Amino acid sequence: MATDKHSSHGGLPVHSDVSFETRDVNINSVLWSLVYLAVTIVISLAICVWFLKATSSMVAKSEKPVPVIRQQMSESDQQHMTMPPEPRLQGVPGHETDPQQDLRNKIARDTQANESYRWVDEKAGIAQIPVKEAMKIIAEKGLPPLPPPAPEKKQ
């Protein structure tokens, strides 16, 4: 091995151009840094708790007392009074229906309407057919020709 020539001091490598420190890290400075960090965190937490208590008490003092008429109301009446008037957005508290189920129901109704046959105007011969079938008919026969534009009346 290459280190065998330069070994001494109990098997530690020794080289004439390189010197090694016995200890690279000062443990005392690391411990004091950790203590300083812990003390700083505790002081910051104490300041935050004091600030929270001070602002909470300030807000509590500035709030107006509940009117007597509101104190006599039931919970449901109080909740009804705090809600905005109808129509409300879907999904907000106080809305009775599920917006996702509403969307599913609408998609089902639209799909059923697009896939059904019915008369729009039986006397004029206008019927509704499924979209897929209408696309097949247009692909086979093409679009009907457009009527010529009506001439403009000169005044």
N, C-alpha and C. Protein backbone atom coordinates (compact mmCIF):
# COMPACT_ATOMS: atom_id res chain seq x y z
N MET A 1 0.83 -1.19 0.00
CA MET A 1 0.00 0.00 0.00
C MET A 1 0.86 1.25 0.00
N ALA A 2 0.25 2.32 -0.53
CA ALA A 2 1.00 3.57 -0.63
C ALA A 2 1.18 4.23 0.71
N THR A 3 0.29 4.01 1.64
CA THR A 3 0.40 4.66 2.95
C THR A 3 1.33 3.92 3.88
N ASP A 4 1.75 2.73 3.51
CA ASP A 4 2.64 1.96 4.40
C ASP A 4 3.99 2.66 4.59
N LYS A 5 4.48 3.33 3.52
CA LYS A 5 5.79 3.98 3.61
C LYS A 5 5.75 5.17 4.56
N HIS A 6 4.58 5.84 4.57
CA HIS A 6 4.49 7.09 5.33
C HIS A 6 3.79 6.89 6.67
N SER A 7 3.54 5.67 7.09
CA SER A 7 2.80 5.42 8.33
C SER A 7 3.73 5.50 9.52
N SER A 8 3.22 6.09 10.52
CA SER A 8 3.85 6.07 11.84
C SER A 8 2.77 6.55 12.80
N HIS A 9 3.04 6.68 14.01
CA HIS A 9 2.08 7.14 15.02
C HIS A 9 0.88 6.21 15.10
N GLY A 10 1.07 4.95 15.15
CA GLY A 10 -0.02 4.00 15.36
C GLY A 10 -0.88 3.78 14.15
N GLY A 11 -0.37 3.82 12.95
CA GLY A 11 -1.14 3.51 11.75
C GLY A 11 -1.79 4.71 11.11
N LEU A 12 -1.67 5.92 11.66
CA LEU A 12 -2.23 7.10 11.03
C LEU A 12 -1.32 7.52 9.89
N PRO A 13 -1.92 7.98 8.77
CA PRO A 13 -1.06 8.38 7.67
C PRO A 13 -0.27 9.64 8.01
N VAL A 14 0.97 9.67 7.59
CA VAL A 14 1.83 10.81 7.84
C VAL A 14 2.45 11.20 6.50
N HIS A 15 2.44 12.48 6.22
CA HIS A 15 3.00 12.96 4.97
C HIS A 15 3.79 14.22 5.30
N SER A 16 4.87 14.42 4.65
CA SER A 16 5.74 15.55 5.00
C SER A 16 5.14 16.89 4.58
N ASP A 17 4.29 16.93 3.53
CA ASP A 17 3.72 18.20 3.05
C ASP A 17 2.37 18.52 3.65
N VAL A 18 1.70 17.56 4.26
CA VAL A 18 0.34 17.74 4.74
C VAL A 18 0.33 17.57 6.25
N SER A 19 -0.43 18.48 6.91
CA SER A 19 -0.61 18.33 8.35
C SER A 19 -2.09 18.21 8.65
N PHE A 20 -2.42 17.43 9.62
CA PHE A 20 -3.82 17.18 9.99
C PHE A 20 -4.07 17.77 11.37
N GLU A 21 -5.26 18.37 11.53
CA GLU A 21 -5.65 18.84 12.85
C GLU A 21 -6.27 17.68 13.60
N THR A 22 -6.05 17.66 14.84
CA THR A 22 -6.62 16.57 15.62
C THR A 22 -8.12 16.74 15.77
N ARG A 23 -8.58 18.00 15.75
CA ARG A 23 -10.01 18.26 15.91
C ARG A 23 -10.39 19.42 15.01
N ASP A 24 -11.38 19.20 14.10
CA ASP A 24 -11.80 20.26 13.20
C ASP A 24 -12.93 21.11 13.78
N VAL A 25 -13.72 20.56 14.68
CA VAL A 25 -14.90 21.23 15.21
C VAL A 25 -14.71 21.46 16.70
N ASN A 26 -15.05 22.69 17.13
CA ASN A 26 -14.99 23.01 18.55
C ASN A 26 -16.37 22.73 19.13
N ILE A 27 -16.50 21.71 19.92
CA ILE A 27 -17.79 21.27 20.46
C ILE A 27 -18.41 22.34 21.35
N ASN A 28 -17.63 23.06 22.10
CA ASN A 28 -18.16 24.09 22.99
C ASN A 28 -18.88 25.19 22.21
N SER A 29 -18.30 25.62 21.09
CA SER A 29 -18.94 26.69 20.31
C SER A 29 -20.25 26.19 19.69
N VAL A 30 -20.31 24.93 19.29
CA VAL A 30 -21.55 24.37 18.74
C VAL A 30 -22.62 24.31 19.82
N LEU A 31 -22.26 23.87 21.02
CA LEU A 31 -23.23 23.79 22.11
C LEU A 31 -23.73 25.17 22.51
N TRP A 32 -22.84 26.17 22.59
CA TRP A 32 -23.27 27.52 22.94
C TRP A 32 -24.18 28.10 21.86
N SER A 33 -23.92 27.77 20.60
CA SER A 33 -24.80 28.23 19.52
C SER A 33 -26.19 27.63 19.65
N LEU A 34 -26.26 26.36 20.01
CA LEU A 34 -27.56 25.70 20.20
C LEU A 34 -28.31 26.29 21.38
N VAL A 35 -27.60 26.58 22.46
CA VAL A 35 -28.22 27.20 23.63
C VAL A 35 -28.74 28.58 23.26
N TYR A 36 -27.96 29.35 22.54
CA TYR A 36 -28.38 30.69 22.09
C TYR A 36 -29.62 30.59 21.21
N LEU A 37 -29.64 29.62 20.30
CA LEU A 37 -30.80 29.43 19.43
C LEU A 37 -32.04 29.06 20.23
N ALA A 38 -31.91 28.17 21.20
CA ALA A 38 -33.05 27.76 22.02
C ALA A 38 -33.60 28.94 22.82
N VAL A 39 -32.71 29.75 23.41
CA VAL A 39 -33.15 30.90 24.18
C VAL A 39 -33.86 31.91 23.28
N THR A 40 -33.34 32.11 22.08
CA THR A 40 -33.96 33.04 21.13
C THR A 40 -35.36 32.56 20.74
N ILE A 41 -35.52 31.27 20.52
CA ILE A 41 -36.84 30.71 20.16
C ILE A 41 -37.83 30.89 21.31
N VAL A 42 -37.39 30.62 22.53
CA VAL A 42 -38.28 30.75 23.69
C VAL A 42 -38.70 32.22 23.87
N ILE A 43 -37.78 33.15 23.73
CA ILE A 43 -38.12 34.58 23.86
C ILE A 43 -39.08 35.00 22.75
N SER A 44 -38.84 34.53 21.52
CA SER A 44 -39.74 34.86 20.41
C SER A 44 -41.14 34.31 20.66
N LEU A 45 -41.23 33.10 21.17
CA LEU A 45 -42.53 32.51 21.47
C LEU A 45 -43.25 33.31 22.55
N ALA A 46 -42.52 33.73 23.57
CA ALA A 46 -43.13 34.52 24.65
C ALA A 46 -43.66 35.84 24.10
N ILE A 47 -42.91 36.48 23.21
CA ILE A 47 -43.36 37.74 22.61
C ILE A 47 -44.62 37.50 21.78
N CYS A 48 -44.66 36.42 21.01
CA CYS A 48 -45.84 36.12 20.19
C CYS A 48 -47.07 35.85 21.04
N VAL A 49 -46.91 35.10 22.13
CA VAL A 49 -48.05 34.81 23.02
C VAL A 49 -48.54 36.10 23.66
N TRP A 50 -47.63 36.95 24.13
CA TRP A 50 -48.05 38.23 24.71
C TRP A 50 -48.80 39.07 23.68
N PHE A 51 -48.29 39.13 22.44
CA PHE A 51 -48.94 39.92 21.39
C PHE A 51 -50.33 39.37 21.09
N LEU A 52 -50.49 38.05 21.04
CA LEU A 52 -51.81 37.43 20.80
C LEU A 52 -52.79 37.79 21.91
N LYS A 53 -52.36 37.68 23.15
CA LYS A 53 -53.25 38.02 24.27
C LYS A 53 -53.62 39.50 24.26
N ALA A 54 -52.66 40.36 23.96
CA ALA A 54 -52.93 41.80 23.95
C ALA A 54 -53.92 42.15 22.85
N THR A 55 -53.73 41.64 21.66
CA THR A 55 -54.64 41.98 20.56
C THR A 55 -56.01 41.34 20.76
N SER A 56 -56.06 40.13 21.33
CA SER A 56 -57.36 39.50 21.59
C SER A 56 -58.17 40.29 22.60
N SER A 57 -57.52 40.75 23.65
CA SER A 57 -58.25 41.54 24.65
C SER A 57 -58.67 42.89 24.07
N MET A 58 -57.85 43.48 23.22
CA MET A 58 -58.20 44.76 22.60
C MET A 58 -59.43 44.59 21.71
N VAL A 59 -59.49 43.49 20.94
CA VAL A 59 -60.65 43.25 20.08
C VAL A 59 -61.89 42.97 20.92
N ALA A 60 -61.73 42.20 21.99
CA ALA A 60 -62.87 41.89 22.85
C ALA A 60 -63.44 43.15 23.50
N LYS A 61 -62.60 44.09 23.87
CA LYS A 61 -63.07 45.33 24.47
C LYS A 61 -63.78 46.22 23.46
N SER A 62 -63.35 46.17 22.19
CA SER A 62 -63.93 47.06 21.19
C SER A 62 -65.22 46.52 20.58
N GLU A 63 -65.55 45.24 20.79
CA GLU A 63 -66.78 44.68 20.22
C GLU A 63 -68.00 45.20 20.97
N LYS A 64 -69.06 45.43 20.21
CA LYS A 64 -70.29 45.90 20.81
C LYS A 64 -71.04 44.71 21.41
N PRO A 65 -71.77 44.92 22.50
CA PRO A 65 -72.54 43.80 23.06
C PRO A 65 -73.68 43.40 22.12
N VAL A 66 -74.09 42.16 22.22
CA VAL A 66 -75.17 41.64 21.38
C VAL A 66 -76.48 42.30 21.81
N PRO A 67 -77.28 42.80 20.86
CA PRO A 67 -78.56 43.40 21.24
C PRO A 67 -79.47 42.40 21.95
N VAL A 68 -80.36 42.92 22.78
CA VAL A 68 -81.25 42.07 23.58
C VAL A 68 -82.13 41.22 22.68
N ILE A 69 -82.60 41.77 21.57
CA ILE A 69 -83.48 41.02 20.68
C ILE A 69 -82.75 39.81 20.09
N ARG A 70 -81.46 39.97 19.80
CA ARG A 70 -80.67 38.85 19.26
C ARG A 70 -80.42 37.80 20.33
N GLN A 71 -80.29 38.20 21.59
CA GLN A 71 -80.08 37.25 22.67
C GLN A 71 -81.29 36.35 22.85
N GLN A 72 -82.49 36.85 22.52
CA GLN A 72 -83.71 36.07 22.70
C GLN A 72 -84.01 35.17 21.50
N MET A 73 -83.27 35.34 20.40
CA MET A 73 -83.51 34.54 19.19
C MET A 73 -82.94 33.14 19.34
N SER A 74 -83.55 32.18 18.63
CA SER A 74 -83.02 30.82 18.64
C SER A 74 -81.76 30.77 17.76
N GLU A 75 -81.01 29.66 17.87
CA GLU A 75 -79.77 29.49 17.09
C GLU A 75 -80.05 29.52 15.60
N SER A 76 -81.12 28.82 15.18
CA SER A 76 -81.42 28.76 13.74
C SER A 76 -81.81 30.14 13.21
N ASP A 77 -82.56 30.92 14.01
CA ASP A 77 -82.91 32.28 13.58
C ASP A 77 -81.68 33.17 13.49
N GLN A 78 -80.78 33.03 14.46
CA GLN A 78 -79.55 33.83 14.42
C GLN A 78 -78.71 33.47 13.20
N GLN A 79 -78.64 32.18 12.90
CA GLN A 79 -77.87 31.75 11.72
C GLN A 79 -78.53 32.25 10.44
N HIS A 80 -79.86 32.22 10.41
CA HIS A 80 -80.59 32.71 9.23
C HIS A 80 -80.35 34.20 9.03
N MET A 81 -80.24 34.94 10.12
CA MET A 81 -80.02 36.38 10.03
C MET A 81 -78.61 36.70 9.53
N THR A 82 -77.64 35.82 9.78
CA THR A 82 -76.26 36.09 9.37
C THR A 82 -76.00 35.66 7.93
N MET A 83 -76.89 34.87 7.33
CA MET A 83 -76.70 34.42 5.96
C MET A 83 -77.10 35.49 4.97
N PRO A 84 -76.42 35.55 3.84
CA PRO A 84 -76.84 36.51 2.81
C PRO A 84 -78.15 36.04 2.18
N PRO A 85 -78.88 36.93 1.53
CA PRO A 85 -80.15 36.52 0.94
C PRO A 85 -79.93 35.60 -0.26
N GLU A 86 -80.98 34.87 -0.62
CA GLU A 86 -80.92 34.01 -1.80
C GLU A 86 -80.80 34.87 -3.04
N PRO A 87 -80.25 34.45 -4.10
CA PRO A 87 -79.60 33.17 -4.34
C PRO A 87 -78.19 33.19 -3.78
N ARG A 88 -77.79 32.07 -3.18
CA ARG A 88 -76.43 31.92 -2.64
C ARG A 88 -75.61 31.07 -3.59
N LEU A 89 -74.32 31.22 -3.52
CA LEU A 89 -73.43 30.38 -4.31
C LEU A 89 -73.53 28.94 -3.84
N GLN A 90 -73.37 28.01 -4.77
CA GLN A 90 -73.41 26.61 -4.40
C GLN A 90 -72.17 26.27 -3.57
N GLY A 91 -72.36 25.40 -2.60
CA GLY A 91 -71.25 24.92 -1.80
C GLY A 91 -70.97 25.73 -0.55
N VAL A 92 -71.59 26.90 -0.39
CA VAL A 92 -71.36 27.69 0.81
C VAL A 92 -72.29 27.20 1.91
N PRO A 93 -71.95 27.45 3.17
CA PRO A 93 -72.85 27.04 4.25
C PRO A 93 -74.23 27.65 4.07
N GLY A 94 -75.25 26.88 4.34
CA GLY A 94 -76.63 27.34 4.19
C GLY A 94 -77.24 26.93 2.87
N HIS A 95 -76.45 26.40 1.97
CA HIS A 95 -76.96 25.93 0.68
C HIS A 95 -77.32 24.46 0.84
N GLU A 96 -78.55 24.11 0.50
CA GLU A 96 -79.05 22.77 0.82
C GLU A 96 -78.58 21.69 -0.15
N THR A 97 -78.26 22.04 -1.40
CA THR A 97 -77.94 21.01 -2.38
C THR A 97 -76.43 20.88 -2.57
N ASP A 98 -76.05 19.71 -3.08
CA ASP A 98 -74.65 19.41 -3.34
C ASP A 98 -74.31 19.86 -4.77
N PRO A 99 -73.35 20.76 -4.95
CA PRO A 99 -73.07 21.25 -6.30
C PRO A 99 -72.56 20.15 -7.24
N GLN A 100 -71.84 19.18 -6.72
CA GLN A 100 -71.35 18.10 -7.58
C GLN A 100 -72.50 17.23 -8.07
N GLN A 101 -73.48 16.98 -7.19
CA GLN A 101 -74.64 16.20 -7.62
C GLN A 101 -75.48 17.00 -8.61
N ASP A 102 -75.58 18.31 -8.41
CA ASP A 102 -76.30 19.15 -9.38
C ASP A 102 -75.66 19.06 -10.75
N LEU A 103 -74.33 19.09 -10.81
CA LEU A 103 -73.63 18.98 -12.09
C LEU A 103 -73.87 17.61 -12.73
N ARG A 104 -73.82 16.55 -11.92
CA ARG A 104 -74.08 15.21 -12.46
C ARG A 104 -75.50 15.12 -13.03
N ASN A 105 -76.47 15.69 -12.32
CA ASN A 105 -77.85 15.66 -12.81
C ASN A 105 -78.00 16.44 -14.11
N LYS A 106 -77.34 17.60 -14.21
CA LYS A 106 -77.42 18.40 -15.43
C LYS A 106 -76.79 17.67 -16.61
N ILE A 107 -75.65 17.05 -16.39
CA ILE A 107 -74.99 16.30 -17.47
C ILE A 107 -75.87 15.15 -17.92
N ALA A 108 -76.51 14.46 -16.97
CA ALA A 108 -77.40 13.34 -17.32
C ALA A 108 -78.59 13.85 -18.13
N ARG A 109 -79.20 14.98 -17.73
CA ARG A 109 -80.32 15.52 -18.48
C ARG A 109 -79.90 15.95 -19.89
N ASP A 110 -78.73 16.60 -20.01
CA ASP A 110 -78.25 17.03 -21.32
C ASP A 110 -77.94 15.84 -22.22
N THR A 111 -77.33 14.81 -21.65
CA THR A 111 -77.02 13.62 -22.43
C THR A 111 -78.30 12.94 -22.91
N GLN A 112 -79.28 12.85 -22.03
CA GLN A 112 -80.55 12.22 -22.41
C GLN A 112 -81.25 13.05 -23.49
N ALA A 113 -81.19 14.39 -23.39
CA ALA A 113 -81.82 15.23 -24.41
C ALA A 113 -81.09 15.11 -25.75
N ASN A 114 -79.77 14.96 -25.73
CA ASN A 114 -79.00 14.83 -26.97
C ASN A 114 -79.18 13.46 -27.62
N GLU A 115 -79.65 12.48 -26.88
CA GLU A 115 -79.78 11.12 -27.42
C GLU A 115 -81.24 10.69 -27.60
N SER A 116 -82.15 11.65 -27.61
CA SER A 116 -83.57 11.28 -27.70
C SER A 116 -84.20 11.80 -29.00
N TYR A 117 -85.33 11.18 -29.35
CA TYR A 117 -86.13 11.60 -30.51
C TYR A 117 -87.36 12.32 -29.99
N ARG A 118 -87.73 13.42 -30.64
CA ARG A 118 -88.99 14.10 -30.30
C ARG A 118 -89.33 15.10 -31.40
N TRP A 119 -90.59 15.47 -31.43
CA TRP A 119 -91.03 16.49 -32.39
C TRP A 119 -90.80 17.86 -31.79
N VAL A 120 -90.16 18.73 -32.55
CA VAL A 120 -90.02 20.13 -32.15
C VAL A 120 -91.25 20.88 -32.65
N ASP A 121 -91.59 20.68 -33.93
CA ASP A 121 -92.78 21.25 -34.55
C ASP A 121 -93.30 20.22 -35.54
N GLU A 122 -94.33 19.47 -35.13
CA GLU A 122 -94.82 18.37 -35.95
C GLU A 122 -95.48 18.87 -37.23
N LYS A 123 -96.15 20.01 -37.16
CA LYS A 123 -96.82 20.54 -38.35
C LYS A 123 -95.81 20.97 -39.42
N ALA A 124 -94.69 21.56 -38.99
CA ALA A 124 -93.67 22.01 -39.94
C ALA A 124 -92.72 20.87 -40.31
N GLY A 125 -92.84 19.72 -39.64
CA GLY A 125 -91.98 18.58 -39.94
C GLY A 125 -90.58 18.71 -39.34
N ILE A 126 -90.45 19.42 -38.23
CA ILE A 126 -89.15 19.59 -37.58
C ILE A 126 -89.08 18.63 -36.40
N ALA A 127 -88.09 17.74 -36.44
CA ALA A 127 -87.93 16.75 -35.38
C ALA A 127 -86.53 16.85 -34.79
N GLN A 128 -86.41 16.38 -33.56
CA GLN A 128 -85.10 16.31 -32.91
C GLN A 128 -84.63 14.87 -32.98
N ILE A 129 -83.38 14.67 -33.42
CA ILE A 129 -82.80 13.33 -33.47
C ILE A 129 -81.49 13.36 -32.71
N PRO A 130 -80.96 12.19 -32.32
CA PRO A 130 -79.69 12.18 -31.59
C PRO A 130 -78.57 12.83 -32.41
N VAL A 131 -77.64 13.44 -31.73
CA VAL A 131 -76.55 14.17 -32.36
C VAL A 131 -75.71 13.25 -33.24
N LYS A 132 -75.43 12.04 -32.78
CA LYS A 132 -74.60 11.12 -33.56
C LYS A 132 -75.26 10.79 -34.90
N GLU A 133 -76.57 10.59 -34.87
CA GLU A 133 -77.27 10.27 -36.12
C GLU A 133 -77.30 11.49 -37.04
N ALA A 134 -77.46 12.67 -36.49
CA ALA A 134 -77.46 13.89 -37.32
C ALA A 134 -76.09 14.08 -37.97
N MET A 135 -75.03 13.77 -37.25
CA MET A 135 -73.69 13.89 -37.82
C MET A 135 -73.49 12.89 -38.95
N LYS A 136 -74.04 11.67 -38.81
CA LYS A 136 -73.94 10.67 -39.89
C LYS A 136 -74.69 11.14 -41.13
N ILE A 137 -75.87 11.69 -40.94
CA ILE A 137 -76.67 12.16 -42.09
C ILE A 137 -75.95 13.30 -42.80
N ILE A 138 -75.39 14.24 -42.06
CA ILE A 138 -74.67 15.36 -42.68
C ILE A 138 -73.42 14.87 -43.39
N ALA A 139 -72.74 13.86 -42.82
CA ALA A 139 -71.55 13.32 -43.47
C ALA A 139 -71.91 12.64 -44.78
N GLU A 140 -73.07 11.97 -44.82
CA GLU A 140 -73.48 11.27 -46.05
C GLU A 140 -74.03 12.23 -47.10
N LYS A 141 -74.93 13.13 -46.70
CA LYS A 141 -75.64 13.97 -47.66
C LYS A 141 -75.03 15.36 -47.81
N GLY A 142 -74.30 15.82 -46.82
CA GLY A 142 -73.76 17.18 -46.85
C GLY A 142 -74.76 18.17 -46.29
N LEU A 143 -74.33 19.39 -46.11
CA LEU A 143 -75.20 20.43 -45.57
C LEU A 143 -76.16 20.91 -46.67
N PRO A 144 -77.36 21.31 -46.28
CA PRO A 144 -78.29 21.84 -47.29
C PRO A 144 -77.77 23.19 -47.79
N PRO A 145 -78.09 23.55 -49.04
CA PRO A 145 -77.61 24.83 -49.57
C PRO A 145 -78.29 25.99 -48.85
N LEU A 146 -77.54 27.08 -48.74
CA LEU A 146 -78.07 28.28 -48.08
C LEU A 146 -79.01 29.00 -49.04
N PRO A 147 -80.10 29.54 -48.54
CA PRO A 147 -80.99 30.31 -49.41
C PRO A 147 -80.28 31.59 -49.84
N PRO A 148 -80.58 32.09 -51.03
CA PRO A 148 -79.93 33.33 -51.47
C PRO A 148 -80.35 34.49 -50.57
N PRO A 149 -79.46 35.43 -50.35
CA PRO A 149 -79.80 36.56 -49.48
C PRO A 149 -80.89 37.40 -50.12
N ALA A 150 -81.76 37.91 -49.28
CA ALA A 150 -82.84 38.76 -49.74
C ALA A 150 -82.28 40.09 -50.23
N PRO A 151 -82.78 40.59 -51.36
CA PRO A 151 -82.27 41.88 -51.84
C PRO A 151 -82.68 43.01 -50.89
N GLU A 152 -81.79 43.95 -50.75
CA GLU A 152 -82.07 45.08 -49.87
C GLU A 152 -83.00 46.05 -50.56
N LYS A 153 -83.91 46.60 -49.83
CA LYS A 153 -84.87 47.58 -50.37
C LYS A 153 -84.21 48.95 -50.32
N LYS A 154 -84.27 49.63 -51.46
CA LYS A 154 -83.73 50.99 -51.51
C LYS A 154 -84.85 51.97 -51.19
N GLN A 155 -84.51 52.96 -50.45
CA GLN A 155 -85.52 53.94 -50.07
C GLN A 155 -85.31 55.25 -50.73
